[in-house]
Amino acid sequence: MLNFDKDALKDSTIGLLSYEYNDGQLLSDLKTRLQSAGADVVDVKLDTAGIFIFNSIYLTFKEDFKEYTQAWGFPVTSLESLLEYNREDPERRIRYGQNLLEEAVQVYTADWSEIDMQIQRADAVLKNAFDEYRLDALVFLNSSGTAAPAAAGYPELTIPLGSEKGGAPQGATFVTGYGEDEKLLNLGYSFEYHTQGRLAP
């Protein structure tokens, strides 16, 4: 059983990712909260040019969907059947469309070379950042920096951060190195313990 460490952020080095569309006040608040919990926070930039996870997901989604739904006994076990089911009641079932599913169903043979290239590129970018800045974790607002970690298979965890001016809930997403899930949970627990950012619904 894992015993979480409320002081896991103390003396850690956290890379803060920021994007031009981020709320500046929230970003500043995130940095302050990390520092208050004992972390050394450094500003980090990632060169994620050419990393497109949605371009890879649809390449294997049809077969992945079939395998998963059959394994768990779902009533709909093929992507083709799901598309037909959705079209029967589009106003209710596909209010926002199903373009990505329509693309995925057209793929008969996945291009694994493209998938492997995305994984390797994302892994190299993240490894370089972790090594260069000697990071324990990367942190960013909400889902703004999820592309590279998702492509490379790095663990991610979002912790409540409060809300923005309009009242919408906000979160701080932590990313640790590949396979460092326990470390991620401890850092996330420490952040939540020190910030108490969850808002009651």
N, C-alpha and C. Protein backbone atom coordinates (compact mmCIF):
# COMPACT_ATOMS: atom_id res chain seq x y z
N MET A 1 0.84 -1.19 0.00
CA MET A 1 0.00 0.00 0.00
C MET A 1 0.88 1.25 0.00
N LEU A 2 0.54 2.19 -0.87
CA LEU A 2 1.34 3.41 -1.00
C LEU A 2 0.96 4.42 0.07
N ASN A 3 1.96 4.87 0.83
CA ASN A 3 1.75 5.92 1.81
C ASN A 3 2.16 7.25 1.18
N PHE A 4 1.19 8.11 0.95
CA PHE A 4 1.46 9.37 0.27
C PHE A 4 2.24 10.33 1.16
N ASP A 5 3.12 11.10 0.52
CA ASP A 5 4.01 12.03 1.22
C ASP A 5 3.54 13.46 0.98
N LYS A 6 3.03 14.09 2.03
CA LYS A 6 2.54 15.46 1.89
C LYS A 6 3.65 16.46 1.62
N ASP A 7 4.89 16.07 1.86
CA ASP A 7 6.02 16.97 1.63
C ASP A 7 6.83 16.58 0.40
N ALA A 8 6.22 15.84 -0.50
CA ALA A 8 6.95 15.39 -1.69
C ALA A 8 7.43 16.54 -2.56
N LEU A 9 6.73 17.67 -2.53
CA LEU A 9 7.14 18.82 -3.34
C LEU A 9 8.33 19.57 -2.75
N LYS A 10 8.60 19.36 -1.47
CA LYS A 10 9.70 20.06 -0.82
C LYS A 10 11.03 19.69 -1.47
N ASP A 11 11.79 20.71 -1.88
CA ASP A 11 13.11 20.55 -2.52
C ASP A 11 13.04 19.88 -3.89
N SER A 12 11.85 19.76 -4.46
CA SER A 12 11.74 19.21 -5.82
C SER A 12 11.97 20.32 -6.84
N THR A 13 12.28 19.93 -8.05
CA THR A 13 12.44 20.89 -9.14
C THR A 13 11.31 20.66 -10.14
N ILE A 14 10.48 21.67 -10.30
CA ILE A 14 9.29 21.57 -11.14
C ILE A 14 9.42 22.51 -12.34
N GLY A 15 9.23 21.97 -13.52
CA GLY A 15 9.26 22.78 -14.74
C GLY A 15 7.87 23.28 -15.06
N LEU A 16 7.71 24.60 -15.11
CA LEU A 16 6.40 25.19 -15.38
C LEU A 16 6.28 25.53 -16.86
N LEU A 17 5.30 24.91 -17.51
CA LEU A 17 5.03 25.18 -18.92
C LEU A 17 3.95 26.24 -19.03
N SER A 18 4.13 27.19 -19.92
CA SER A 18 3.11 28.22 -20.12
C SER A 18 2.86 28.40 -21.61
N TYR A 19 1.64 28.80 -21.93
CA TYR A 19 1.24 29.01 -23.31
C TYR A 19 0.54 30.35 -23.41
N GLU A 20 0.59 30.95 -24.59
CA GLU A 20 0.09 32.32 -24.75
C GLU A 20 -1.39 32.45 -24.42
N TYR A 21 -2.14 31.36 -24.54
CA TYR A 21 -3.57 31.43 -24.26
C TYR A 21 -3.89 31.16 -22.79
N ASN A 22 -2.87 30.85 -21.97
CA ASN A 22 -3.11 30.62 -20.54
C ASN A 22 -3.50 31.91 -19.83
N ASP A 23 -4.30 31.78 -18.78
CA ASP A 23 -4.66 32.91 -17.94
C ASP A 23 -3.43 33.28 -17.10
N GLY A 24 -2.91 34.48 -17.28
CA GLY A 24 -1.70 34.90 -16.61
C GLY A 24 -1.79 34.87 -15.10
N GLN A 25 -2.94 35.26 -14.56
CA GLN A 25 -3.12 35.28 -13.12
C GLN A 25 -3.13 33.86 -12.55
N LEU A 26 -3.80 32.94 -13.25
CA LEU A 26 -3.83 31.55 -12.80
C LEU A 26 -2.44 30.93 -12.84
N LEU A 27 -1.69 31.27 -13.89
CA LEU A 27 -0.34 30.74 -14.03
C LEU A 27 0.55 31.24 -12.90
N SER A 28 0.41 32.51 -12.59
CA SER A 28 1.18 33.10 -11.49
C SER A 28 0.79 32.46 -10.16
N ASP A 29 -0.50 32.21 -10.00
CA ASP A 29 -1.01 31.58 -8.78
C ASP A 29 -0.47 30.16 -8.64
N LEU A 30 -0.43 29.44 -9.76
CA LEU A 30 0.09 28.08 -9.76
C LEU A 30 1.56 28.07 -9.33
N LYS A 31 2.33 28.99 -9.88
CA LYS A 31 3.75 29.07 -9.54
C LYS A 31 3.94 29.37 -8.06
N THR A 32 3.16 30.31 -7.54
CA THR A 32 3.25 30.68 -6.13
C THR A 32 2.90 29.52 -5.22
N ARG A 33 1.88 28.77 -5.59
CA ARG A 33 1.45 27.64 -4.76
C ARG A 33 2.51 26.53 -4.75
N LEU A 34 3.14 26.31 -5.88
CA LEU A 34 4.20 25.31 -5.95
C LEU A 34 5.37 25.71 -5.06
N GLN A 35 5.73 26.99 -5.15
CA GLN A 35 6.84 27.48 -4.33
C GLN A 35 6.50 27.44 -2.85
N SER A 36 5.26 27.73 -2.51
CA SER A 36 4.84 27.70 -1.11
C SER A 36 4.91 26.28 -0.54
N ALA A 37 4.77 25.30 -1.42
CA ALA A 37 4.86 23.90 -0.98
C ALA A 37 6.30 23.41 -0.92
N GLY A 38 7.24 24.30 -1.27
CA GLY A 38 8.66 23.96 -1.15
C GLY A 38 9.37 23.62 -2.44
N ALA A 39 8.70 23.77 -3.58
CA ALA A 39 9.31 23.41 -4.86
C ALA A 39 10.14 24.56 -5.44
N ASP A 40 11.19 24.19 -6.14
CA ASP A 40 11.96 25.14 -6.93
C ASP A 40 11.34 25.12 -8.33
N VAL A 41 10.76 26.23 -8.76
CA VAL A 41 10.03 26.28 -10.03
C VAL A 41 10.85 26.98 -11.10
N VAL A 42 11.02 26.31 -12.24
CA VAL A 42 11.76 26.89 -13.37
C VAL A 42 10.84 26.94 -14.59
N ASP A 43 10.94 28.01 -15.35
CA ASP A 43 10.15 28.13 -16.58
C ASP A 43 10.78 27.28 -17.67
N VAL A 44 9.96 26.47 -18.32
CA VAL A 44 10.45 25.53 -19.33
C VAL A 44 9.64 25.68 -20.61
N LYS A 45 10.31 25.56 -21.73
CA LYS A 45 9.65 25.55 -23.04
C LYS A 45 9.92 24.20 -23.71
N LEU A 46 8.90 23.63 -24.31
CA LEU A 46 9.05 22.38 -25.05
C LEU A 46 8.86 22.63 -26.54
N ASP A 47 9.73 22.07 -27.35
CA ASP A 47 9.57 22.17 -28.79
C ASP A 47 8.74 20.97 -29.26
N THR A 48 7.43 21.17 -29.33
CA THR A 48 6.52 20.07 -29.68
C THR A 48 6.09 20.11 -31.14
N ALA A 49 6.80 20.85 -31.95
CA ALA A 49 6.46 20.92 -33.39
C ALA A 49 6.50 19.51 -33.99
N GLY A 50 5.46 19.18 -34.71
CA GLY A 50 5.40 17.88 -35.38
C GLY A 50 4.83 16.76 -34.53
N ILE A 51 4.42 17.06 -33.30
CA ILE A 51 3.80 16.03 -32.46
C ILE A 51 2.29 16.22 -32.51
N PHE A 52 1.63 15.31 -33.21
CA PHE A 52 0.18 15.43 -33.40
C PHE A 52 -0.47 14.12 -32.97
N ILE A 53 -0.95 14.08 -31.73
CA ILE A 53 -1.46 12.81 -31.22
C ILE A 53 -2.75 12.37 -31.91
N PHE A 54 -3.60 13.32 -32.31
CA PHE A 54 -4.85 12.92 -32.95
C PHE A 54 -4.60 12.30 -34.32
N ASN A 55 -3.48 12.66 -34.94
CA ASN A 55 -3.13 12.06 -36.22
C ASN A 55 -2.72 10.60 -36.06
N SER A 56 -2.39 10.21 -34.83
CA SER A 56 -1.98 8.83 -34.58
C SER A 56 -3.09 7.99 -33.98
N ILE A 57 -3.90 8.60 -33.11
CA ILE A 57 -4.94 7.85 -32.41
C ILE A 57 -5.89 7.15 -33.38
N TYR A 58 -6.31 7.88 -34.41
CA TYR A 58 -7.32 7.29 -35.30
C TYR A 58 -6.77 6.13 -36.14
N LEU A 59 -5.43 6.02 -36.23
CA LEU A 59 -4.83 4.97 -37.05
C LEU A 59 -5.11 3.58 -36.50
N THR A 60 -5.23 3.44 -35.21
CA THR A 60 -5.47 2.11 -34.62
C THR A 60 -6.80 2.03 -33.87
N PHE A 61 -7.56 3.11 -33.87
CA PHE A 61 -8.74 3.16 -33.02
C PHE A 61 -9.78 2.10 -33.38
N LYS A 62 -9.96 1.84 -34.66
CA LYS A 62 -11.01 0.89 -35.07
C LYS A 62 -10.76 -0.50 -34.47
N GLU A 63 -9.54 -1.00 -34.59
CA GLU A 63 -9.22 -2.31 -34.05
C GLU A 63 -9.17 -2.29 -32.52
N ASP A 64 -8.67 -1.18 -31.95
CA ASP A 64 -8.62 -1.06 -30.49
C ASP A 64 -10.03 -1.08 -29.90
N PHE A 65 -10.95 -0.37 -30.56
CA PHE A 65 -12.34 -0.31 -30.12
C PHE A 65 -12.97 -1.71 -30.16
N LYS A 66 -12.74 -2.41 -31.25
CA LYS A 66 -13.29 -3.76 -31.42
C LYS A 66 -12.77 -4.71 -30.33
N GLU A 67 -11.48 -4.67 -30.11
CA GLU A 67 -10.87 -5.56 -29.11
C GLU A 67 -11.40 -5.26 -27.71
N TYR A 68 -11.49 -3.98 -27.36
CA TYR A 68 -11.94 -3.59 -26.03
C TYR A 68 -13.41 -3.95 -25.79
N THR A 69 -14.26 -3.60 -26.74
CA THR A 69 -15.69 -3.83 -26.54
C THR A 69 -16.03 -5.32 -26.54
N GLN A 70 -15.32 -6.11 -27.33
CA GLN A 70 -15.56 -7.56 -27.32
C GLN A 70 -15.09 -8.18 -26.02
N ALA A 71 -13.96 -7.69 -25.52
CA ALA A 71 -13.41 -8.24 -24.28
C ALA A 71 -14.32 -8.00 -23.09
N TRP A 72 -15.04 -6.87 -23.13
CA TRP A 72 -15.89 -6.50 -22.00
C TRP A 72 -17.38 -6.69 -22.26
N GLY A 73 -17.71 -7.33 -23.37
CA GLY A 73 -19.09 -7.69 -23.64
C GLY A 73 -20.02 -6.52 -23.91
N PHE A 74 -19.54 -5.49 -24.58
CA PHE A 74 -20.38 -4.35 -24.92
C PHE A 74 -21.43 -4.76 -25.95
N PRO A 75 -22.60 -4.11 -25.96
CA PRO A 75 -23.62 -4.44 -26.96
C PRO A 75 -23.23 -4.01 -28.37
N VAL A 76 -22.37 -3.01 -28.48
CA VAL A 76 -21.85 -2.57 -29.79
C VAL A 76 -20.37 -2.92 -29.83
N THR A 77 -19.98 -3.77 -30.78
CA THR A 77 -18.60 -4.27 -30.76
C THR A 77 -17.79 -3.93 -32.00
N SER A 78 -18.30 -3.03 -32.82
CA SER A 78 -17.50 -2.59 -33.96
C SER A 78 -17.74 -1.09 -34.15
N LEU A 79 -16.74 -0.42 -34.69
CA LEU A 79 -16.86 1.01 -34.89
C LEU A 79 -17.94 1.32 -35.92
N GLU A 80 -18.07 0.47 -36.92
CA GLU A 80 -19.12 0.66 -37.92
C GLU A 80 -20.50 0.66 -37.27
N SER A 81 -20.72 -0.29 -36.35
CA SER A 81 -22.00 -0.39 -35.65
C SER A 81 -22.26 0.83 -34.78
N LEU A 82 -21.21 1.32 -34.15
CA LEU A 82 -21.35 2.51 -33.30
C LEU A 82 -21.75 3.72 -34.14
N LEU A 83 -21.14 3.87 -35.30
CA LEU A 83 -21.48 5.00 -36.18
C LEU A 83 -22.94 4.93 -36.61
N GLU A 84 -23.38 3.75 -36.97
CA GLU A 84 -24.78 3.57 -37.38
C GLU A 84 -25.73 3.87 -36.22
N TYR A 85 -25.38 3.40 -35.06
CA TYR A 85 -26.20 3.65 -33.86
C TYR A 85 -26.32 5.15 -33.61
N ASN A 86 -25.22 5.86 -33.70
CA ASN A 86 -25.23 7.31 -33.47
C ASN A 86 -26.07 8.05 -34.50
N ARG A 87 -26.04 7.58 -35.74
CA ARG A 87 -26.78 8.26 -36.82
C ARG A 87 -28.29 8.11 -36.64
N GLU A 88 -28.73 7.13 -35.88
CA GLU A 88 -30.16 6.94 -35.67
C GLU A 88 -30.79 8.07 -34.86
N ASP A 89 -30.00 8.73 -34.04
CA ASP A 89 -30.49 9.83 -33.21
C ASP A 89 -29.38 10.88 -33.07
N PRO A 90 -29.04 11.55 -34.16
CA PRO A 90 -27.89 12.47 -34.17
C PRO A 90 -28.01 13.63 -33.19
N GLU A 91 -29.23 14.14 -32.99
CA GLU A 91 -29.40 15.28 -32.09
C GLU A 91 -28.99 14.93 -30.66
N ARG A 92 -29.21 13.70 -30.30
CA ARG A 92 -28.91 13.27 -28.93
C ARG A 92 -27.56 12.59 -28.80
N ARG A 93 -27.19 11.79 -29.81
CA ARG A 93 -25.99 10.95 -29.68
C ARG A 93 -24.72 11.56 -30.26
N ILE A 94 -24.86 12.40 -31.26
CA ILE A 94 -23.66 13.03 -31.84
C ILE A 94 -23.90 14.52 -32.07
N ARG A 95 -24.32 15.16 -31.02
CA ARG A 95 -24.61 16.60 -31.09
C ARG A 95 -23.41 17.39 -31.62
N TYR A 96 -22.21 16.92 -31.28
CA TYR A 96 -21.00 17.65 -31.70
C TYR A 96 -20.27 16.95 -32.86
N GLY A 97 -20.97 16.01 -33.50
CA GLY A 97 -20.39 15.33 -34.65
C GLY A 97 -19.55 14.13 -34.24
N GLN A 98 -19.09 13.40 -35.25
CA GLN A 98 -18.23 12.24 -34.99
C GLN A 98 -17.17 12.13 -36.09
N ASN A 99 -16.61 13.28 -36.45
CA ASN A 99 -15.64 13.33 -37.54
C ASN A 99 -14.43 12.42 -37.30
N LEU A 100 -13.91 12.41 -36.09
CA LEU A 100 -12.74 11.58 -35.81
C LEU A 100 -13.07 10.09 -35.94
N LEU A 101 -14.27 9.71 -35.54
CA LEU A 101 -14.69 8.32 -35.69
C LEU A 101 -14.87 7.96 -37.16
N GLU A 102 -15.39 8.91 -37.93
CA GLU A 102 -15.57 8.68 -39.37
C GLU A 102 -14.22 8.48 -40.06
N GLU A 103 -13.21 9.22 -39.60
CA GLU A 103 -11.87 9.04 -40.16
C GLU A 103 -11.29 7.70 -39.75
N ALA A 104 -11.49 7.35 -38.48
CA ALA A 104 -10.91 6.11 -37.96
C ALA A 104 -11.47 4.87 -38.64
N VAL A 105 -12.74 4.90 -38.99
CA VAL A 105 -13.36 3.72 -39.58
C VAL A 105 -12.85 3.45 -41.00
N GLN A 106 -12.23 4.46 -41.62
CA GLN A 106 -11.70 4.30 -42.98
C GLN A 106 -10.32 3.65 -43.00
N VAL A 107 -9.70 3.50 -41.83
CA VAL A 107 -8.35 2.94 -41.75
C VAL A 107 -8.43 1.42 -41.69
N TYR A 108 -7.83 0.76 -42.67
CA TYR A 108 -7.84 -0.69 -42.71
C TYR A 108 -6.51 -1.29 -42.25
N THR A 109 -5.42 -0.55 -42.46
CA THR A 109 -4.11 -0.99 -42.00
C THR A 109 -3.40 0.19 -41.35
N ALA A 110 -3.08 0.06 -40.09
CA ALA A 110 -2.44 1.15 -39.37
C ALA A 110 -1.01 1.37 -39.84
N ASP A 111 -0.62 2.63 -39.97
CA ASP A 111 0.75 2.98 -40.34
C ASP A 111 1.57 3.09 -39.05
N TRP A 112 2.15 1.99 -38.64
CA TRP A 112 2.88 1.96 -37.37
C TRP A 112 4.15 2.81 -37.41
N SER A 113 4.69 3.03 -38.60
CA SER A 113 5.89 3.86 -38.69
C SER A 113 5.58 5.29 -38.25
N GLU A 114 4.40 5.79 -38.61
CA GLU A 114 3.98 7.13 -38.20
C GLU A 114 3.76 7.17 -36.69
N ILE A 115 3.14 6.15 -36.16
CA ILE A 115 2.89 6.08 -34.72
C ILE A 115 4.20 6.04 -33.94
N ASP A 116 5.11 5.18 -34.37
CA ASP A 116 6.41 5.06 -33.70
C ASP A 116 7.19 6.37 -33.77
N MET A 117 7.10 7.06 -34.90
CA MET A 117 7.81 8.33 -35.06
C MET A 117 7.29 9.36 -34.07
N GLN A 118 5.97 9.42 -33.88
CA GLN A 118 5.36 10.36 -32.93
C GLN A 118 5.82 10.05 -31.50
N ILE A 119 5.82 8.76 -31.16
CA ILE A 119 6.23 8.35 -29.82
C ILE A 119 7.69 8.72 -29.56
N GLN A 120 8.56 8.41 -30.51
CA GLN A 120 9.99 8.69 -30.34
C GLN A 120 10.27 10.19 -30.27
N ARG A 121 9.57 10.96 -31.09
CA ARG A 121 9.77 12.41 -31.10
C ARG A 121 9.34 13.01 -29.76
N ALA A 122 8.18 12.60 -29.27
CA ALA A 122 7.68 13.11 -28.00
C ALA A 122 8.58 12.70 -26.84
N ASP A 123 9.03 11.44 -26.86
CA ASP A 123 9.90 10.94 -25.81
C ASP A 123 11.21 11.72 -25.77
N ALA A 124 11.78 12.01 -26.93
CA ALA A 124 13.04 12.75 -27.00
C ALA A 124 12.89 14.16 -26.45
N VAL A 125 11.78 14.82 -26.79
CA VAL A 125 11.53 16.19 -26.31
C VAL A 125 11.42 16.21 -24.79
N LEU A 126 10.68 15.26 -24.24
CA LEU A 126 10.48 15.22 -22.80
C LEU A 126 11.75 14.83 -22.05
N LYS A 127 12.45 13.83 -22.55
CA LYS A 127 13.70 13.42 -21.92
C LYS A 127 14.69 14.56 -21.88
N ASN A 128 14.78 15.29 -22.96
CA ASN A 128 15.69 16.42 -23.04
C ASN A 128 15.36 17.47 -21.96
N ALA A 129 14.06 17.77 -21.81
CA ALA A 129 13.65 18.76 -20.81
C ALA A 129 13.93 18.27 -19.39
N PHE A 130 13.60 17.02 -19.11
CA PHE A 130 13.83 16.48 -17.77
C PHE A 130 15.32 16.46 -17.43
N ASP A 131 16.14 16.10 -18.41
CA ASP A 131 17.59 16.03 -18.18
C ASP A 131 18.22 17.42 -18.09
N GLU A 132 17.86 18.30 -19.01
CA GLU A 132 18.46 19.64 -19.05
C GLU A 132 18.19 20.43 -17.78
N TYR A 133 16.97 20.38 -17.30
CA TYR A 133 16.59 21.16 -16.12
C TYR A 133 16.60 20.34 -14.82
N ARG A 134 16.94 19.05 -14.95
CA ARG A 134 16.96 18.14 -13.80
C ARG A 134 15.62 18.18 -13.05
N LEU A 135 14.57 17.95 -13.80
CA LEU A 135 13.22 18.08 -13.27
C LEU A 135 12.74 16.83 -12.55
N ASP A 136 11.92 17.08 -11.55
CA ASP A 136 11.16 15.99 -10.94
C ASP A 136 9.82 15.85 -11.65
N ALA A 137 9.31 16.96 -12.19
CA ALA A 137 8.03 16.93 -12.89
C ALA A 137 7.86 18.18 -13.74
N LEU A 138 6.99 18.08 -14.70
CA LEU A 138 6.51 19.23 -15.46
C LEU A 138 5.10 19.54 -14.96
N VAL A 139 4.73 20.83 -14.97
CA VAL A 139 3.38 21.22 -14.56
C VAL A 139 2.86 22.27 -15.53
N PHE A 140 1.56 22.20 -15.82
CA PHE A 140 0.91 23.19 -16.67
C PHE A 140 -0.55 23.30 -16.29
N LEU A 141 -1.20 24.33 -16.78
CA LEU A 141 -2.62 24.55 -16.48
C LEU A 141 -3.50 23.60 -17.30
N ASN A 142 -4.43 22.97 -16.62
CA ASN A 142 -5.45 22.14 -17.27
C ASN A 142 -4.84 21.13 -18.23
N SER A 143 -5.27 21.15 -19.49
CA SER A 143 -4.75 20.18 -20.47
C SER A 143 -3.86 20.83 -21.51
N SER A 144 -3.35 22.02 -21.21
CA SER A 144 -2.63 22.80 -22.24
C SER A 144 -1.35 22.14 -22.74
N GLY A 145 -0.73 21.26 -21.96
CA GLY A 145 0.52 20.65 -22.40
C GLY A 145 0.48 19.14 -22.49
N THR A 146 -0.69 18.57 -22.72
CA THR A 146 -0.83 17.11 -22.65
C THR A 146 -0.34 16.35 -23.88
N ALA A 147 -0.15 17.02 -25.01
CA ALA A 147 0.13 16.31 -26.26
C ALA A 147 1.39 15.44 -26.19
N ALA A 148 2.51 16.03 -25.83
CA ALA A 148 3.76 15.26 -25.82
C ALA A 148 3.74 14.12 -24.79
N PRO A 149 3.32 14.37 -23.54
CA PRO A 149 3.26 13.26 -22.58
C PRO A 149 2.31 12.13 -23.02
N ALA A 150 1.19 12.50 -23.61
CA ALA A 150 0.25 11.49 -24.08
C ALA A 150 0.87 10.63 -25.18
N ALA A 151 1.56 11.28 -26.11
CA ALA A 151 2.18 10.55 -27.21
C ALA A 151 3.29 9.62 -26.71
N ALA A 152 4.06 10.09 -25.73
CA ALA A 152 5.20 9.32 -25.24
C ALA A 152 4.83 8.32 -24.15
N GLY A 153 3.61 8.40 -23.63
CA GLY A 153 3.19 7.48 -22.59
C GLY A 153 3.68 7.84 -21.20
N TYR A 154 3.96 9.13 -20.97
CA TYR A 154 4.38 9.57 -19.65
C TYR A 154 3.14 9.76 -18.77
N PRO A 155 3.23 9.42 -17.48
CA PRO A 155 2.06 9.56 -16.61
C PRO A 155 1.69 11.02 -16.36
N GLU A 156 0.40 11.30 -16.33
CA GLU A 156 -0.11 12.65 -16.09
C GLU A 156 -1.20 12.60 -15.02
N LEU A 157 -1.29 13.66 -14.22
CA LEU A 157 -2.29 13.72 -13.16
C LEU A 157 -2.71 15.17 -12.97
N THR A 158 -4.02 15.42 -13.01
CA THR A 158 -4.54 16.77 -12.83
C THR A 158 -5.14 16.92 -11.43
N ILE A 159 -4.71 17.99 -10.75
CA ILE A 159 -5.15 18.28 -9.39
C ILE A 159 -5.94 19.59 -9.39
N PRO A 160 -7.04 19.67 -8.64
CA PRO A 160 -7.83 20.92 -8.60
C PRO A 160 -6.99 22.12 -8.18
N LEU A 161 -7.24 23.24 -8.86
CA LEU A 161 -6.50 24.48 -8.61
C LEU A 161 -7.41 25.62 -8.20
N GLY A 162 -8.71 25.40 -8.21
CA GLY A 162 -9.65 26.48 -7.92
C GLY A 162 -10.48 26.78 -9.15
N SER A 163 -10.73 28.05 -9.40
CA SER A 163 -11.54 28.43 -10.55
C SER A 163 -11.04 29.73 -11.15
N GLU A 164 -11.41 29.96 -12.42
CA GLU A 164 -11.06 31.24 -13.05
C GLU A 164 -12.17 32.24 -12.76
N LYS A 165 -12.01 33.47 -13.26
CA LYS A 165 -12.93 34.54 -12.91
C LYS A 165 -14.39 34.22 -13.18
N GLY A 166 -14.64 33.48 -14.25
CA GLY A 166 -16.02 33.14 -14.60
C GLY A 166 -16.59 32.00 -13.78
N GLY A 167 -15.77 31.38 -12.94
CA GLY A 167 -16.25 30.29 -12.09
C GLY A 167 -15.95 28.89 -12.60
N ALA A 168 -15.36 28.76 -13.80
CA ALA A 168 -15.06 27.44 -14.33
C ALA A 168 -13.91 26.79 -13.55
N PRO A 169 -14.05 25.53 -13.18
CA PRO A 169 -12.98 24.84 -12.43
C PRO A 169 -11.68 24.80 -13.23
N GLN A 170 -10.57 24.91 -12.53
CA GLN A 170 -9.25 24.87 -13.15
C GLN A 170 -8.41 23.80 -12.47
N GLY A 171 -7.40 23.34 -13.18
CA GLY A 171 -6.55 22.30 -12.62
C GLY A 171 -5.08 22.51 -12.96
N ALA A 172 -4.22 21.89 -12.17
CA ALA A 172 -2.78 21.86 -12.42
C ALA A 172 -2.42 20.44 -12.80
N THR A 173 -1.87 20.25 -13.99
CA THR A 173 -1.52 18.91 -14.46
C THR A 173 -0.03 18.65 -14.28
N PHE A 174 0.28 17.56 -13.59
CA PHE A 174 1.66 17.14 -13.33
C PHE A 174 2.04 16.02 -14.28
N VAL A 175 3.29 16.05 -14.73
CA VAL A 175 3.83 14.99 -15.58
C VAL A 175 5.19 14.59 -15.01
N THR A 176 5.39 13.29 -14.78
CA THR A 176 6.70 12.80 -14.34
C THR A 176 7.31 11.94 -15.45
N GLY A 177 8.51 11.46 -15.21
CA GLY A 177 9.19 10.64 -16.20
C GLY A 177 8.48 9.33 -16.45
N TYR A 178 8.84 8.69 -17.54
CA TYR A 178 8.22 7.43 -17.93
C TYR A 178 8.36 6.40 -16.81
N GLY A 179 7.24 5.82 -16.39
CA GLY A 179 7.24 4.79 -15.36
C GLY A 179 7.29 5.32 -13.94
N GLU A 180 7.28 6.65 -13.76
CA GLU A 180 7.37 7.21 -12.41
C GLU A 180 5.98 7.53 -11.84
N ASP A 181 5.10 6.58 -11.92
CA ASP A 181 3.72 6.78 -11.48
C ASP A 181 3.62 7.06 -9.99
N GLU A 182 4.40 6.33 -9.19
CA GLU A 182 4.35 6.53 -7.74
C GLU A 182 4.81 7.93 -7.38
N LYS A 183 5.85 8.37 -8.04
CA LYS A 183 6.37 9.73 -7.80
C LYS A 183 5.31 10.76 -8.17
N LEU A 184 4.62 10.53 -9.27
CA LEU A 184 3.57 11.44 -9.72
C LEU A 184 2.46 11.55 -8.68
N LEU A 185 2.03 10.42 -8.16
CA LEU A 185 0.95 10.42 -7.17
C LEU A 185 1.37 11.16 -5.90
N ASN A 186 2.60 11.00 -5.51
CA ASN A 186 3.09 11.70 -4.32
C ASN A 186 3.15 13.21 -4.53
N LEU A 187 3.64 13.63 -5.68
CA LEU A 187 3.71 15.07 -5.98
C LEU A 187 2.30 15.66 -6.05
N GLY A 188 1.39 14.93 -6.69
CA GLY A 188 0.02 15.39 -6.79
C GLY A 188 -0.64 15.49 -5.42
N TYR A 189 -0.40 14.49 -4.59
CA TYR A 189 -0.96 14.49 -3.24
C TYR A 189 -0.42 15.67 -2.44
N SER A 190 0.87 15.91 -2.56
CA SER A 190 1.51 17.01 -1.84
C SER A 190 0.92 18.35 -2.28
N PHE A 191 0.73 18.51 -3.58
CA PHE A 191 0.15 19.76 -4.09
C PHE A 191 -1.26 19.95 -3.57
N GLU A 192 -2.06 18.89 -3.62
CA GLU A 192 -3.45 19.00 -3.16
C GLU A 192 -3.50 19.27 -1.65
N TYR A 193 -2.62 18.63 -0.91
CA TYR A 193 -2.58 18.82 0.55
C TYR A 193 -2.29 20.28 0.90
N HIS A 194 -1.34 20.89 0.18
CA HIS A 194 -0.91 22.24 0.51
C HIS A 194 -1.81 23.34 -0.08
N THR A 195 -2.54 23.01 -1.15
CA THR A 195 -3.32 24.06 -1.82
C THR A 195 -4.81 23.99 -1.56
N GLN A 196 -5.34 22.77 -1.36
CA GLN A 196 -6.79 22.61 -1.12
C GLN A 196 -7.60 23.35 -2.18
N GLY A 197 -7.30 23.08 -3.45
CA GLY A 197 -7.93 23.82 -4.54
C GLY A 197 -9.27 23.29 -5.02
N ARG A 198 -9.73 22.18 -4.47
CA ARG A 198 -10.99 21.61 -4.92
C ARG A 198 -12.16 22.45 -4.44
N LEU A 199 -13.07 22.74 -5.37
CA LEU A 199 -14.28 23.49 -5.04
C LEU A 199 -15.45 22.53 -4.96
N ALA A 200 -16.27 22.65 -3.92
CA ALA A 200 -17.45 21.80 -3.79
C ALA A 200 -18.44 22.11 -4.88
N PRO A 201 -18.98 21.09 -5.57
CA PRO A 201 -19.95 21.35 -6.65
C PRO A 201 -21.25 21.94 -6.12
